[in-house]
Amino acid sequence: MISIDKKFIFVAVMKTGTMSITKTLEKYSLDKDGSHYTAEELRMGKLTSHSSIKAGNNNSHISLYKKHWDEYFTFGFVRNPWDHFVSFYKWCSRHNNPLTSKGFGYFLKSQYDNKFNSLWDWNFTCQTDRLFQNDKQIVDFVGRFENLEEDFEHICDKIGILESLCKINFSKDRSSYKKFYKTSEDKEMIQQMYLKDIERFKYEFE
């Protein structure tokens, strides 16, 4: 999502409040695109994953991201990895992914063993790889889903707008994910899958 008027670029990371942010900011955006491109793809002007290329074919403004990257305010969000994976599981279940039919534990083990193969088409590794390039943060601001409203207010202040965040699929219970993890092995798999996120942002199972 890019705004020429307000000079911002939003890099969407799935399951981090993307729908709420996109809906709130779409009135300012040139392309109104909430697709999950990586920051590196947009900064370099080269889409690499199957999903990004497909989405980009319907967006005639992709070249503007590279053109304006260094002068616009760029931002994205991350989420507690244990919570993020539960949200991802629920999303896959709603979209009839057959691996979810055997429950959360089976789905988690499958994704751990196969490196997120449910998202093979857009090269998902961990969240911050969507916002970093060669282990260096390349967006100006990384907000946290846990502080979504407060961090969104900061973004609004930076780009000079006054908006209340639309709340889409928004839950106030930040600890509800815990009930999905039945064993220490379950929690450890997330620790390994999202190691960069946990180390960079000091997330814990809490």
Foldseek 3Di string as FASTA:
>chain_A
DAAPVLQEAEAEDPPLCLVQVLVFCVVRHPFSDSDHAFLVCLLVVHGDFQRRVVSVVVGPCSVVSNVRVVPGAYEYEAEQLLVSVVVVLVVCVVVPDVQPVVHDVSNLVVCLVVVNVVPRRRPDQARCRSQADPPHGSGPYYHYSLCVQVVVVVVCVVSPHDTGTGDDPDDPPSLVSVVRDDDVVSVVSSCVRHVVVCVVVVHDND
